[in-house]
């Protein structure tokens, strides 16, 4: 990859491409590479399935499909397909909401919790290696930038 860092502006340039376009391309390429790497890491499930599990785990109560879709930044249909595959593998169950029987709540199974526990240490090591050498201030700046981009996308 050929790019230049302009020290006077502290901006990375890729030919005549503006930095915003470069960043969007970089994020897309990173996502593809990371997904391929993560898909190879887990034998039982894909990265997208594992990401769904992570998102379910961060919820304070069992999420609905729509709530999970919002967290994952994906469509209801895509999330439903991911959940059906996870359900087929015994990692989640979908139960009717007690207050509104039309809604389904997603519950992680013991098999899923066991899988997460088995892979926890190795997952942490991979994350550590991905972020090796990145200063916390740069990490926080990247987080704030992407969060602002997310807010801007939601306003489109």
Protein backbone atom coordinates (compact mmCIF):
# COMPACT_ATOMS: atom_id res chain seq x y z
CA UNK A 1 0.00 0.00 0.00
CA UNK A 2 1.42 3.37 -0.98
CA UNK A 3 0.43 6.38 1.08
CA UNK A 4 2.15 9.46 2.47
CA UNK A 5 1.95 11.16 5.84
CA UNK A 6 2.00 14.94 5.41
CA UNK A 7 3.74 16.08 8.59
CA UNK A 8 2.58 19.69 8.14
CA UNK A 9 -1.09 18.69 8.32
CA UNK A 10 -0.72 15.37 10.15
CA UNK A 11 -2.96 13.75 7.52
CA UNK A 12 -2.50 10.54 5.59
CA UNK A 13 -3.09 10.92 1.86
CA UNK A 14 -3.55 8.20 -0.71
CA UNK A 15 -2.87 9.81 -4.06
CA UNK A 16 -5.55 12.42 -4.71
CA UNK A 17 -8.04 10.69 -2.42
CA UNK A 18 -9.37 12.85 0.43
CA UNK A 19 -8.68 11.47 3.92
CA UNK A 20 -12.38 10.82 4.55
CA UNK A 21 -12.62 8.53 1.50
CA UNK A 22 -9.33 6.88 2.43
CA UNK A 23 -10.59 6.17 5.96
CA UNK A 24 -13.86 4.67 4.70
CA UNK A 25 -11.93 2.41 2.33
CA UNK A 26 -9.48 1.49 5.07
CA UNK A 27 -12.32 0.59 7.46
CA UNK A 28 -14.00 -1.55 4.80
CA UNK A 29 -10.80 -3.37 3.92
CA UNK A 30 -9.99 -3.89 7.60
CA UNK A 31 -13.47 -5.29 8.22
CA UNK A 32 -13.01 -7.80 5.39
CA UNK A 33 -9.56 -8.88 6.59
CA UNK A 34 -10.64 -9.11 10.20
CA UNK A 35 -13.74 -11.14 9.33
CA UNK A 36 -11.64 -13.60 7.30
CA UNK A 37 -9.14 -13.93 10.16
CA UNK A 38 -11.87 -14.36 12.79
CA UNK A 39 -13.77 -16.86 10.65
CA UNK A 40 -10.61 -18.99 10.60
CA UNK A 41 -10.13 -18.64 14.34
CA UNK A 42 -13.46 -20.11 15.42
CA UNK A 43 -14.18 -23.59 14.18
CA UNK A 44 -17.80 -23.83 15.32
CA UNK A 45 -19.15 -20.42 14.30
CA UNK A 46 -18.46 -17.44 12.04
CA UNK A 47 -17.29 -14.02 13.16
CA UNK A 48 -20.75 -12.52 12.54
CA UNK A 49 -22.29 -15.22 14.73
CA UNK A 50 -19.73 -14.54 17.46
CA UNK A 51 -20.36 -10.80 17.14
CA UNK A 52 -24.08 -11.45 17.70
CA UNK A 53 -23.18 -13.40 20.86
CA UNK A 54 -20.99 -10.51 22.09
CA UNK A 55 -23.82 -8.06 21.49
CA UNK A 56 -26.31 -10.29 23.32
CA UNK A 57 -23.90 -10.57 26.26
CA UNK A 58 -23.62 -6.79 26.67
CA UNK A 59 -27.39 -6.37 27.01
CA UNK A 60 -28.81 -5.94 30.49
CA UNK A 61 -31.74 -8.21 29.60
CA UNK A 62 -32.35 -10.70 26.81
CA UNK A 63 -32.72 -8.57 23.68
CA UNK A 64 -35.40 -8.85 21.02
CA UNK A 65 -34.34 -9.43 17.43
CA UNK A 66 -34.99 -5.75 16.63
CA UNK A 67 -32.94 -4.60 19.62
CA UNK A 68 -30.07 -6.87 18.61
CA UNK A 69 -30.28 -5.67 15.00
CA UNK A 70 -29.95 -2.08 16.24
CA UNK A 71 -26.90 -2.91 18.37
CA UNK A 72 -25.26 -4.86 15.54
CA UNK A 73 -26.03 -2.19 12.95
CA UNK A 74 -27.74 -4.74 10.74
CA UNK A 75 -31.18 -5.51 9.36
CA UNK A 76 -33.79 -7.58 11.17
CA UNK A 77 -33.62 -10.19 8.38
CA UNK A 78 -29.82 -10.55 8.55
CA UNK A 79 -29.84 -10.87 12.33
CA UNK A 80 -32.69 -13.40 12.18
CA UNK A 81 -30.63 -15.56 9.79
CA UNK A 82 -27.60 -15.37 12.09
CA UNK A 83 -29.76 -16.32 15.07
CA UNK A 84 -31.37 -19.25 13.25
CA UNK A 85 -27.89 -20.64 12.54
CA UNK A 86 -26.85 -20.10 16.17
CA UNK A 87 -30.06 -21.76 17.32
CA UNK A 88 -29.34 -24.72 15.05
CA UNK A 89 -25.93 -25.07 16.72
CA UNK A 90 -27.50 -24.92 20.17
CA UNK A 91 -25.98 -21.54 21.08
CA UNK A 92 -29.19 -19.52 21.49
CA UNK A 93 -32.85 -20.09 22.09
CA UNK A 94 -35.62 -17.68 21.20
CA UNK A 95 -38.46 -17.37 23.66
CA UNK A 96 -41.66 -15.33 23.61
CA UNK A 97 -41.56 -12.07 25.54
CA UNK A 98 -43.66 -12.29 28.70
CA UNK A 99 -45.39 -8.94 28.11
CA UNK A 100 -45.73 -9.06 24.33
CA UNK A 101 -45.96 -12.58 22.88
CA UNK A 102 -45.32 -11.21 19.36
CA UNK A 103 -41.74 -10.38 20.36
CA UNK A 104 -39.04 -12.99 20.71
CA UNK A 105 -36.25 -12.63 23.25
CA UNK A 106 -32.85 -14.17 22.59
CA UNK A 107 -31.27 -16.27 25.33
CA UNK A 108 -27.73 -17.65 25.33
CA UNK A 109 -27.53 -21.36 26.16
CA UNK A 110 -25.11 -23.20 28.41
CA UNK A 111 -23.37 -24.51 25.28
CA UNK A 112 -22.78 -20.91 24.21
CA UNK A 113 -21.50 -19.86 27.63
CA UNK A 114 -19.15 -22.88 27.64
CA UNK A 115 -17.93 -21.97 24.14
CA UNK A 116 -17.22 -18.39 25.23
CA UNK A 117 -15.38 -19.52 28.33
CA UNK A 118 -13.30 -22.00 26.31
CA UNK A 119 -12.27 -19.30 23.80
CA UNK A 120 -12.00 -16.31 26.16
CA UNK A 121 -8.26 -16.34 26.81
CA UNK A 122 -7.31 -16.91 23.18
CA UNK A 123 -9.76 -14.18 22.06
CA UNK A 124 -8.18 -11.71 24.48
CA UNK A 125 -4.73 -12.59 23.13
CA UNK A 126 -5.81 -11.94 19.56
CA UNK A 127 -7.29 -8.57 20.55
CA UNK A 128 -4.08 -7.70 22.39
CA UNK A 129 -2.03 -8.54 19.31
CA UNK A 130 -4.28 -6.52 16.99
CA UNK A 131 -3.89 -3.43 19.18
CA UNK A 132 -0.20 -3.97 19.96
CA UNK A 133 1.75 -0.72 19.81
CA UNK A 134 -1.32 1.51 19.63
CA UNK A 135 -1.29 4.27 22.23
CA UNK A 136 -4.44 4.63 24.33
CA UNK A 137 -4.90 8.24 23.17
CA UNK A 138 -4.93 7.09 19.53
CA UNK A 139 -7.38 4.32 20.36
CA UNK A 140 -9.69 6.79 22.14
CA UNK A 141 -9.45 9.21 19.20
CA UNK A 142 -10.41 6.39 16.80
CA UNK A 143 -13.35 5.42 19.00
CA UNK A 144 -14.60 9.01 19.19
CA UNK A 145 -14.19 9.45 15.43
CA UNK A 146 -16.13 6.30 14.59
CA UNK A 147 -18.85 7.17 17.12
CA UNK A 148 -19.24 10.60 15.50
CA UNK A 149 -19.37 8.94 12.07
CA UNK A 150 -22.11 6.61 13.42
CA UNK A 151 -24.15 9.59 14.64
CA UNK A 152 -23.74 11.28 11.26
CA UNK A 153 -24.87 8.11 9.45
CA UNK A 154 -27.98 7.91 11.62
CA UNK A 155 -28.90 11.44 10.49
CA UNK A 156 -28.64 10.62 6.78
